Amino acid sequence: MMTNFILAVQSTPSTIDWNPSVALVMIMSNLFCIAIGRYAIQNSGQGPSLPVPKPEVWDKFGLPELLATTSLGHILGAGIILGLGNAGVL
């Protein structure tokens, strides 16, 4: 059992360390998903609202929409970061 674990650890690829470029990619992917989600979510405004003041154009963009779009943004950002890291760009 322990031998399998050691072999699995040895075959795990290394990933890049955190740096400002990684943060910028994650921020941009989240902002992209929020912008797309604002117009793509058809049944918006059904849950609780955000506890901060927001412009009137974002009136129906509440907490469920924010959680959904940032969750997708993190999935997209992780994929982009891993892809760019393996390509040697980051």
PDB file of N, CA and C in Angstrom:
ATOM      1  N   MET A   1       0.829  -1.191   0.000  1.00  0.00           N
ATOM      2  CA  MET A   1       0.000   0.000   0.000  1.00  0.00           C
ATOM      3  C   MET A   1       0.869   1.248   0.000  1.00  0.00           C
ATOM      4  N   MET A   2       1.885   1.278   0.840  1.00  0.00           N
ATOM      5  CA  MET A   2       2.755   2.442   0.914  1.00  0.00           C
ATOM      6  C   MET A   2       3.577   2.594  -0.359  1.00  0.00           C
ATOM      7  N   THR A   3       3.929   1.493  -0.997  1.00  0.00           N
ATOM      8  CA  THR A   3       4.699   1.550  -2.233  1.00  0.00           C
ATOM      9  C   THR A   3       3.886   2.220  -3.343  1.00  0.00           C
ATOM     10  N   ASN A   4       2.596   1.917  -3.414  1.00  0.00           N
ATOM     11  CA  ASN A   4       1.738   2.555  -4.410  1.00  0.00           C
ATOM     12  C   ASN A   4       1.661   4.059  -4.188  1.00  0.00           C
ATOM     13  N   PHE A   5       1.590   4.467  -2.932  1.00  0.00           N
ATOM     14  CA  PHE A   5       1.528   5.888  -2.605  1.00  0.00           C
ATOM     15  C   PHE A   5       2.821   6.589  -3.008  1.00  0.00           C
ATOM     16  N   ILE A   6       3.951   5.982  -2.722  1.00  0.00           N
ATOM     17  CA  ILE A   6       5.241   6.577  -3.070  1.00  0.00           C
ATOM     18  C   ILE A   6       5.390   6.672  -4.584  1.00  0.00           C
ATOM     19  N   LEU A   7       4.960   5.657  -5.307  1.00  0.00           N
ATOM     20  CA  LEU A   7       5.026   5.705  -6.764  1.00  0.00           C
ATOM     21  C   LEU A   7       4.110   6.786  -7.330  1.00  0.00           C
ATOM     22  N   ALA A   8       2.958   6.971  -6.707  1.00  0.00           N
ATOM     23  CA  ALA A   8       2.037   8.009  -7.171  1.00  0.00           C
ATOM     24  C   ALA A   8       2.614   9.397  -6.931  1.00  0.00           C
ATOM     25  N   VAL A   9       3.281   9.587  -5.815  1.00  0.00           N
ATOM     26  CA  VAL A   9       3.886  10.880  -5.511  1.00  0.00           C
ATOM     27  C   VAL A   9       5.022  11.178  -6.476  1.00  0.00           C
ATOM     28  N   GLN A  10       5.790  10.173  -6.833  1.00  0.00           N
ATOM     29  CA  GLN A  10       6.914  10.387  -7.730  1.00  0.00           C
ATOM     30  C   GLN A  10       6.468  10.715  -9.150  1.00  0.00           C
ATOM     31  N   SER A  11       5.287  10.273  -9.544  1.00  0.00           N
ATOM     32  CA  SER A  11       4.838  10.520 -10.909  1.00  0.00           C
ATOM     33  C   SER A  11       3.958  11.762 -11.040  1.00  0.00           C
ATOM     34  N   THR A  12       3.764  12.503  -9.960  1.00  0.00           N
ATOM     35  CA  THR A  12       2.950  13.707 -10.010  1.00  0.00           C
ATOM     36  C   THR A  12       3.754  14.839 -10.639  1.00  0.00           C
ATOM     37  N   PRO A  13       3.228  15.488 -11.683  1.00  0.00           N
ATOM     38  CA  PRO A  13       3.986  16.570 -12.317  1.00  0.00           C
ATOM     39  C   PRO A  13       4.026  17.810 -11.428  1.00  0.00           C
ATOM     40  N   SER A  14       5.077  18.561 -11.554  1.00  0.00           N
ATOM     41  CA  SER A  14       5.182  19.790 -10.770  1.00  0.00           C
ATOM     42  C   SER A  14       4.419  20.904 -11.475  1.00  0.00           C
ATOM     43  N   THR A  15       3.853  21.793 -10.700  1.00  0.00           N
ATOM     44  CA  THR A  15       3.132  22.936 -11.251  1.00  0.00           C
ATOM     45  C   THR A  15       3.896  24.203 -10.911  1.00  0.00           C
ATOM     46  N   ILE A  16       3.500  25.296 -11.530  1.00  0.00           N
ATOM     47  CA  ILE A  16       4.211  26.546 -11.294  1.00  0.00           C
ATOM     48  C   ILE A  16       3.836  27.110  -9.932  1.00  0.00           C
ATOM     49  N   ASP A  17       4.728  27.904  -9.380  1.00  0.00           N
ATOM     50  CA  ASP A  17       4.461  28.577  -8.116  1.00  0.00           C
ATOM     51  C   ASP A  17       3.564  29.785  -8.364  1.00  0.00           C
ATOM     52  N   TRP A  18       2.957  30.259  -7.279  1.00  0.00           N
ATOM     53  CA  TRP A  18       2.110  31.436  -7.403  1.00  0.00           C
ATOM     54  C   TRP A  18       2.980  32.644  -7.702  1.00  0.00           C
ATOM     55  N   ASN A  19       2.503  33.495  -8.589  1.00  0.00           N
ATOM     56  CA  ASN A  19       3.139  34.777  -8.862  1.00  0.00           C
ATOM     57  C   ASN A  19       2.063  35.733  -9.358  1.00  0.00           C
ATOM     58  N   PRO A  20       2.368  37.001  -9.529  1.00  0.00           N
ATOM     59  CA  PRO A  20       1.339  37.950  -9.975  1.00  0.00           C
ATOM     60  C   PRO A  20       0.722  37.611 -11.333  1.00  0.00           C
ATOM     61  N   SER A  21       1.452  36.950 -12.199  1.00  0.00           N
ATOM     62  CA  SER A  21       0.885  36.553 -13.495  1.00  0.00           C
ATOM     63  C   SER A  21      -0.222  35.523 -13.309  1.00  0.00           C
ATOM     64  N   VAL A  22      -0.032  34.605 -12.383  1.00  0.00           N
ATOM     65  CA  VAL A  22      -1.060  33.598 -12.086  1.00  0.00           C
ATOM     66  C   VAL A  22      -2.298  34.289 -11.523  1.00  0.00           C
ATOM     67  N   ALA A  23      -2.097  35.248 -10.634  1.00  0.00           N
ATOM     68  CA  ALA A  23      -3.225  35.983 -10.060  1.00  0.00           C
ATOM     69  C   ALA A  23      -3.969  36.764 -11.133  1.00  0.00           C
ATOM     70  N   LEU A  24      -3.244  37.371 -12.051  1.00  0.00           N
ATOM     71  CA  LEU A  24      -3.872  38.138 -13.123  1.00  0.00           C
ATOM     72  C   LEU A  24      -4.713  37.239 -14.032  1.00  0.00           C
ATOM     73  N   VAL A  25      -4.213  36.060 -14.334  1.00  0.00           N
ATOM     74  CA  VAL A  25      -4.978  35.116 -15.161  1.00  0.00           C
ATOM     75  C   VAL A  25      -6.257  34.705 -14.436  1.00  0.00           C
ATOM     76  N   MET A  26      -6.189  34.434 -13.139  1.00  0.00           N
ATOM     77  CA  MET A  26      -7.375  34.028 -12.381  1.00  0.00           C
ATOM     78  C   MET A  26      -8.381  35.175 -12.285  1.00  0.00           C
ATOM     79  N   ILE A  27      -7.905  36.382 -12.043  1.00  0.00           N
ATOM     80  CA  ILE A  27      -8.801  37.537 -11.961  1.00  0.00           C
ATOM     81  C   ILE A  27      -9.493  37.773 -13.295  1.00  0.00           C
ATOM     82  N   MET A  28      -8.733  37.710 -14.377  1.00  0.00           N
ATOM     83  CA  MET A  28      -9.310  37.953 -15.699  1.00  0.00           C
ATOM     84  C   MET A  28     -10.329  36.869 -16.082  1.00  0.00           C
ATOM     85  N   SER A  29     -10.057  35.627 -15.720  1.00  0.00           N
ATOM     86  CA  SER A  29     -11.018  34.567 -16.044  1.00  0.00           C
ATOM     87  C   SER A  29     -12.302  34.729 -15.227  1.00  0.00           C
ATOM     88  N   ASN A  30     -12.189  35.174 -13.982  1.00  0.00           N
ATOM     89  CA  ASN A  30     -13.387  35.416 -13.175  1.00  0.00           C
ATOM     90  C   ASN A  30     -14.190  36.595 -13.709  1.00  0.00           C
ATOM     91  N   LEU A  31     -13.515  37.678 -14.075  1.00  0.00           N
ATOM     92  CA  LEU A  31     -14.225  38.830 -14.633  1.00  0.00           C
ATOM     93  C   LEU A  31     -14.898  38.481 -15.960  1.00  0.00           C
ATOM     94  N   PHE A  32     -14.233  37.663 -16.762  1.00  0.00           N
ATOM     95  CA  PHE A  32     -14.824  37.216 -18.023  1.00  0.00           C
ATOM     96  C   PHE A  32     -16.099  36.418 -17.766  1.00  0.00           C
ATOM     97  N   CYS A  33     -16.055  35.498 -16.818  1.00  0.00           N
ATOM     98  CA  CYS A  33     -17.235  34.671 -16.524  1.00  0.00           C
ATOM     99  C   CYS A  33     -18.359  35.493 -15.900  1.00  0.00           C
ATOM    100  N   ILE A  34     -18.023  36.481 -15.078  1.00  0.00           N
ATOM    101  CA  ILE A  34     -19.059  37.351 -14.506  1.00  0.00           C
ATOM    102  C   ILE A  34     -19.728  38.157 -15.614  1.00  0.00           C
ATOM    103  N   ALA A  35     -18.932  38.685 -16.540  1.00  0.00           N
ATOM    104  CA  ALA A  35     -19.497  39.475 -17.638  1.00  0.00           C
ATOM    105  C   ALA A  35     -20.380  38.621 -18.539  1.00  0.00           C
ATOM    106  N   ILE A  36     -19.944  37.420 -18.852  1.00  0.00           N
ATOM    107  CA  ILE A  36     -20.750  36.529 -19.689  1.00  0.00           C
ATOM    108  C   ILE A  36     -21.997  36.064 -18.928  1.00  0.00           C
ATOM    109  N   GLY A  37     -21.833  35.739 -17.652  1.00  0.00           N
ATOM    110  CA  GLY A  37     -22.950  35.250 -16.853  1.00  0.00           C
ATOM    111  C   GLY A  37     -24.023  36.294 -16.623  1.00  0.00           C
ATOM    112  N   ARG A  38     -23.628  37.555 -16.598  1.00  0.00           N
ATOM    113  CA  ARG A  38     -24.594  38.634 -16.395  1.00  0.00           C
ATOM    114  C   ARG A  38     -25.669  38.604 -17.482  1.00  0.00           C
ATOM    115  N   TYR A  39     -25.271  38.297 -18.700  1.00  0.00           N
ATOM    116  CA  TYR A  39     -26.212  38.289 -19.819  1.00  0.00           C
ATOM    117  C   TYR A  39     -26.707  36.887 -20.169  1.00  0.00           C
ATOM    118  N   ALA A  40     -26.004  35.850 -19.747  1.00  0.00           N
ATOM    119  CA  ALA A  40     -26.376  34.487 -20.126  1.00  0.00           C
ATOM    120  C   ALA A  40     -27.365  33.839 -19.153  1.00  0.00           C
ATOM    121  N   ILE A  41     -27.354  34.232 -17.892  1.00  0.00           N
ATOM    122  CA  ILE A  41     -28.262  33.635 -16.908  1.00  0.00           C
ATOM    123  C   ILE A  41     -29.667  34.162 -17.172  1.00  0.00           C
ATOM    124  N   GLN A  42     -30.580  33.248 -17.466  1.00  0.00           N
ATOM    125  CA  GLN A  42     -31.922  33.651 -17.887  1.00  0.00           C
ATOM    126  C   GLN A  42     -32.868  33.896 -16.716  1.00  0.00           C
ATOM    127  N   ASN A  43     -32.715  33.184 -15.624  1.00  0.00           N
ATOM    128  CA  ASN A  43     -33.624  33.293 -14.488  1.00  0.00           C
ATOM    129  C   ASN A  43     -32.894  33.962 -13.325  1.00  0.00           C
ATOM    130  N   SER A  44     -32.449  35.178 -13.523  1.00  0.00           N
ATOM    131  CA  SER A  44     -31.637  35.844 -12.494  1.00  0.00           C
ATOM    132  C   SER A  44     -32.509  36.607 -11.505  1.00  0.00           C
ATOM    133  N   GLY A  45     -31.927  36.933 -10.374  1.00  0.00           N
ATOM    134  CA  GLY A  45     -32.609  37.724  -9.368  1.00  0.00           C
ATOM    135  C   GLY A  45     -33.551  36.947  -8.482  1.00  0.00           C
ATOM    136  N   GLN A  46     -33.457  35.630  -8.442  1.00  0.00           N
ATOM    137  CA  GLN A  46     -34.379  34.816  -7.654  1.00  0.00           C
ATOM    138  C   GLN A  46     -33.919  34.627  -6.213  1.00  0.00           C
ATOM    139  N   GLY A  47     -32.627  34.716  -5.965  1.00  0.00           N
ATOM    140  CA  GLY A  47     -32.095  34.483  -4.629  1.00  0.00           C
ATOM    141  C   GLY A  47     -31.806  35.780  -3.902  1.00  0.00           C
ATOM    142  N   PRO A  48     -31.041  35.685  -2.814  1.00  0.00           N
ATOM    143  CA  PRO A  48     -30.703  36.882  -2.052  1.00  0.00           C
ATOM    144  C   PRO A  48     -29.801  37.820  -2.849  1.00  0.00           C
ATOM    145  N   SER A  49     -29.937  39.094  -2.560  1.00  0.00           N
ATOM    146  CA  SER A  49     -29.143  40.109  -3.243  1.00  0.00           C
ATOM    147  C   SER A  49     -27.776  40.242  -2.580  1.00  0.00           C
ATOM    148  N   LEU A  50     -26.867  40.876  -3.271  1.00  0.00           N
ATOM    149  CA  LEU A  50     -25.546  41.131  -2.694  1.00  0.00           C
ATOM    150  C   LEU A  50     -25.659  42.194  -1.610  1.00  0.00           C
ATOM    151  N   PRO A  51     -24.864  42.102  -0.545  1.00  0.00           N
ATOM    152  CA  PRO A  51     -24.981  43.056   0.562  1.00  0.00           C
ATOM    153  C   PRO A  51     -24.246  44.370   0.313  1.00  0.00           C
ATOM    154  N   VAL A  52     -23.904  44.662  -0.922  1.00  0.00           N
ATOM    155  CA  VAL A  52     -23.205  45.910  -1.245  1.00  0.00           C
ATOM    156  C   VAL A  52     -24.029  46.682  -2.267  1.00  0.00           C
ATOM    157  N   PRO A  53     -23.907  48.005  -2.275  1.00  0.00           N
ATOM    158  CA  PRO A  53     -24.631  48.760  -3.304  1.00  0.00           C
ATOM    159  C   PRO A  53     -24.056  48.472  -4.686  1.00  0.00           C
ATOM    160  N   LYS A  54     -24.926  48.444  -5.681  1.00  0.00           N
ATOM    161  CA  LYS A  54     -24.491  48.151  -7.047  1.00  0.00           C
ATOM    162  C   LYS A  54     -25.285  49.012  -8.022  1.00  0.00           C
ATOM    163  N   PRO A  55     -24.760  49.196  -9.221  1.00  0.00           N
ATOM    164  CA  PRO A  55     -25.487  50.003 -10.208  1.00  0.00           C
ATOM    165  C   PRO A  55     -26.812  49.359 -10.608  1.00  0.00           C
ATOM    166  N   GLU A  56     -27.682  50.163 -11.164  1.00  0.00           N
ATOM    167  CA  GLU A  56     -29.014  49.676 -11.522  1.00  0.00           C
ATOM    168  C   GLU A  56     -28.963  48.593 -12.595  1.00  0.00           C
ATOM    169  N   VAL A  57     -27.978  48.647 -13.465  1.00  0.00           N
ATOM    170  CA  VAL A  57     -27.876  47.650 -14.523  1.00  0.00           C
ATOM    171  C   VAL A  57     -27.573  46.256 -13.955  1.00  0.00           C
ATOM    172  N   TRP A  58     -26.982  46.191 -12.775  1.00  0.00           N
ATOM    173  CA  TRP A  58     -26.654  44.920 -12.116  1.00  0.00           C
ATOM    174  C   TRP A  58     -27.696  44.569 -11.054  1.00  0.00           C
ATOM    175  N   ASP A  59     -28.887  45.153 -11.141  1.00  0.00           N
ATOM    176  CA  ASP A  59     -29.901  44.994 -10.101  1.00  0.00           C
ATOM    177  C   ASP A  59     -30.326  43.546  -9.882  1.00  0.00           C
ATOM    178  N   LYS A  60     -30.438  42.748 -10.926  1.00  0.00           N
ATOM    179  CA  LYS A  60     -30.879  41.356 -10.775  1.00  0.00           C
ATOM    180  C   LYS A  60     -29.718  40.380 -10.659  1.00  0.00           C
ATOM    181  N   PHE A  61     -28.539  40.872 -10.398  1.00  0.00           N
ATOM    182  CA  PHE A  61     -27.363  40.013 -10.245  1.00  0.00           C
ATOM    183  C   PHE A  61     -27.119  39.840  -8.753  1.00  0.00           C
ATOM    184  N   GLY A  62     -27.545  38.712  -8.209  1.00  0.00           N
ATOM    185  CA  GLY A  62     -27.470  38.481  -6.777  1.00  0.00           C
ATOM    186  C   GLY A  62     -26.372  37.516  -6.378  1.00  0.00           C
ATOM    187  N   LEU A  63     -26.464  37.035  -5.161  1.00  0.00           N
ATOM    188  CA  LEU A  63     -25.469  36.124  -4.605  1.00  0.00           C
ATOM    189  C   LEU A  63     -25.388  34.795  -5.366  1.00  0.00           C
ATOM    190  N   PRO A  64     -26.507  34.154  -5.726  1.00  0.00           N
ATOM    191  CA  PRO A  64     -26.389  32.890  -6.481  1.00  0.00           C
ATOM    192  C   PRO A  64     -25.688  33.077  -7.828  1.00  0.00           C
ATOM    193  N   GLU A  65     -25.975  34.181  -8.495  1.00  0.00           N
ATOM    194  CA  GLU A  65     -25.328  34.444  -9.781  1.00  0.00           C
ATOM    195  C   GLU A  65     -23.838  34.694  -9.603  1.00  0.00           C
ATOM    196  N   LEU A  66     -23.476  35.413  -8.550  1.00  0.00           N
ATOM    197  CA  LEU A  66     -22.061  35.676  -8.286  1.00  0.00           C
ATOM    198  C   LEU A  66     -21.316  34.386  -7.958  1.00  0.00           C
ATOM    199  N   LEU A  67     -21.904  33.535  -7.127  1.00  0.00           N
ATOM    200  CA  LEU A  67     -21.262  32.263  -6.788  1.00  0.00           C
ATOM    201  C   LEU A  67     -21.133  31.358  -8.008  1.00  0.00           C
ATOM    202  N   ALA A  68     -22.156  31.325  -8.838  1.00  0.00           N
ATOM    203  CA  ALA A  68     -22.110  30.474 -10.029  1.00  0.00           C
ATOM    204  C   ALA A  68     -21.050  30.950 -11.015  1.00  0.00           C
ATOM    205  N   THR A  69     -21.005  32.247 -11.274  1.00  0.00           N
ATOM    206  CA  THR A  69     -20.050  32.747 -12.264  1.00  0.00           C
ATOM    207  C   THR A  69     -18.614  32.676 -11.764  1.00  0.00           C
ATOM    208  N   THR A  70     -18.391  32.935 -10.483  1.00  0.00           N
ATOM    209  CA  THR A  70     -17.014  32.839  -9.986  1.00  0.00           C
ATOM    210  C   THR A  70     -16.566  31.388  -9.842  1.00  0.00           C
ATOM    211  N   SER A  71     -17.500  30.480  -9.608  1.00  0.00           N
ATOM    212  CA  SER A  71     -17.128  29.059  -9.609  1.00  0.00           C
ATOM    213  C   SER A  71     -16.665  28.632 -10.991  1.00  0.00           C
ATOM    214  N   LEU A  72     -17.420  29.018 -12.006  1.00  0.00           N
ATOM    215  CA  LEU A  72     -17.003  28.723 -13.375  1.00  0.00           C
ATOM    216  C   LEU A  72     -15.700  29.441 -13.711  1.00  0.00           C
ATOM    217  N   GLY A  73     -15.536  30.660 -13.216  1.00  0.00           N
ATOM    218  CA  GLY A  73     -14.302  31.403 -13.457  1.00  0.00           C
ATOM    219  C   GLY A  73     -13.087  30.730 -12.851  1.00  0.00           C
ATOM    220  N   HIS A  74     -13.245  30.139 -11.678  1.00  0.00           N
ATOM    221  CA  HIS A  74     -12.125  29.431 -11.060  1.00  0.00           C
ATOM    222  C   HIS A  74     -11.790  28.144 -11.814  1.00  0.00           C
ATOM    223  N   ILE A  75     -12.802  27.437 -12.294  1.00  0.00           N
ATOM    224  CA  ILE A  75     -12.537  26.231 -13.093  1.00  0.00           C
ATOM    225  C   ILE A  75     -11.819  26.609 -14.380  1.00  0.00           C
ATOM    226  N   LEU A  76     -12.318  27.634 -15.051  1.00  0.00           N
ATOM    227  CA  LEU A  76     -11.691  28.106 -16.283  1.00  0.00           C
ATOM    228  C   LEU A  76     -10.276  28.617 -16.014  1.00  0.00           C
ATOM    229  N   GLY A  77     -10.111  29.393 -14.937  1.00  0.00           N
ATOM    230  CA  GLY A  77      -8.791  29.931 -14.600  1.00  0.00           C
ATOM    231  C   GLY A  77      -7.789  28.853 -14.252  1.00  0.00           C
ATOM    232  N   ALA A  78      -8.215  27.835 -13.523  1.00  0.00           N
ATOM    233  CA  ALA A  78      -7.296  26.741 -13.186  1.00  0.00           C
ATOM    234  C   ALA A  78      -6.842  26.014 -14.439  1.00  0.00           C
ATOM    235  N   GLY A  79      -7.757  25.795 -15.368  1.00  0.00           N
ATOM    236  CA  GLY A  79      -7.383  25.146 -16.624  1.00  0.00           C
ATOM    237  C   GLY A  79      -6.424  25.988 -17.442  1.00  0.00           C
ATOM    238  N   ILE A  80      -6.678  27.286 -17.500  1.00  0.00           N
ATOM    239  CA  ILE A  80      -5.789  28.179 -18.251  1.00  0.00           C
ATOM    240  C   ILE A  80      -4.412  28.228 -17.606  1.00  0.00           C
ATOM    241  N   ILE A  81      -4.369  28.324 -16.279  1.00  0.00           N
ATOM    242  CA  ILE A  81      -3.087  28.390 -15.569  1.00  0.00           C
ATOM    243  C   ILE A  81      -2.295  27.106 -15.763  1.00  0.00           C
ATOM    244  N   LEU A  82      -2.958  25.959 -15.644  1.00  0.00           N
ATOM    245  CA  LEU A  82      -2.252  24.691 -15.855  1.00  0.00           C
ATOM    246  C   LEU A  82      -1.771  24.558 -17.294  1.00  0.00           C
ATOM    247  N   GLY A  83      -2.610  24.968 -18.238  1.00  0.00           N
ATOM    248  CA  GLY A  83      -2.218  24.881 -19.640  1.00  0.00           C
ATOM    249  C   GLY A  83      -1.060  25.802 -19.979  1.00  0.00           C
ATOM    250  N   LEU A  84      -1.137  27.051 -19.531  1.00  0.00           N
ATOM    251  CA  LEU A  84      -0.051  27.993 -19.804  1.00  0.00           C
ATOM    252  C   LEU A  84       1.219  27.622 -19.046  1.00  0.00           C
ATOM    253  N   GLY A  85       1.053  27.050 -17.849  1.00  0.00           N
ATOM    254  CA  GLY A  85       2.225  26.608 -17.088  1.00  0.00           C
ATOM    255  C   GLY A  85       2.937  25.453 -17.763  1.00  0.00           C
ATOM    256  N   ASN A  86       2.179  24.498 -18.276  1.00  0.00           N
ATOM    257  CA  ASN A  86       2.786  23.364 -18.979  1.00  0.00           C
ATOM    258  C   ASN A  86       3.381  23.775 -20.314  1.00  0.00           C
ATOM    259  N   ALA A  87       2.831  24.825 -20.931  1.00  0.00           N
ATOM    260  CA  ALA A  87       3.376  25.316 -22.198  1.00  0.00           C
ATOM    261  C   ALA A  87       4.608  26.186 -21.981  1.00  0.00           C
ATOM    262  N   GLY A  88       4.861  26.571 -20.726  1.00  0.00           N
ATOM    263  CA  GLY A  88       6.025  27.391 -20.419  1.00  0.00           C
ATOM    264  C   GLY A  88       5.799  28.882 -20.571  1.00  0.00           C
ATOM    265  N   VAL A  89       4.545  29.295 -20.711  1.00  0.00           N
ATOM    266  CA  VAL A  89       4.243  30.717 -20.876  1.00  0.00           C
ATOM    267  C   VAL A  89       4.249  31.436 -19.532  1.00  0.00           C
ATOM    268  N   LEU A  90       3.743  30.797 -18.495  1.00  0.00           N
ATOM    269  CA  LEU A  90       3.722  31.417 -17.157  1.00  0.00           C
ATOM    270  C   LEU A  90       4.968  31.060 -16.379  1.00  0.00           C
TER     271      LEU A  90
END
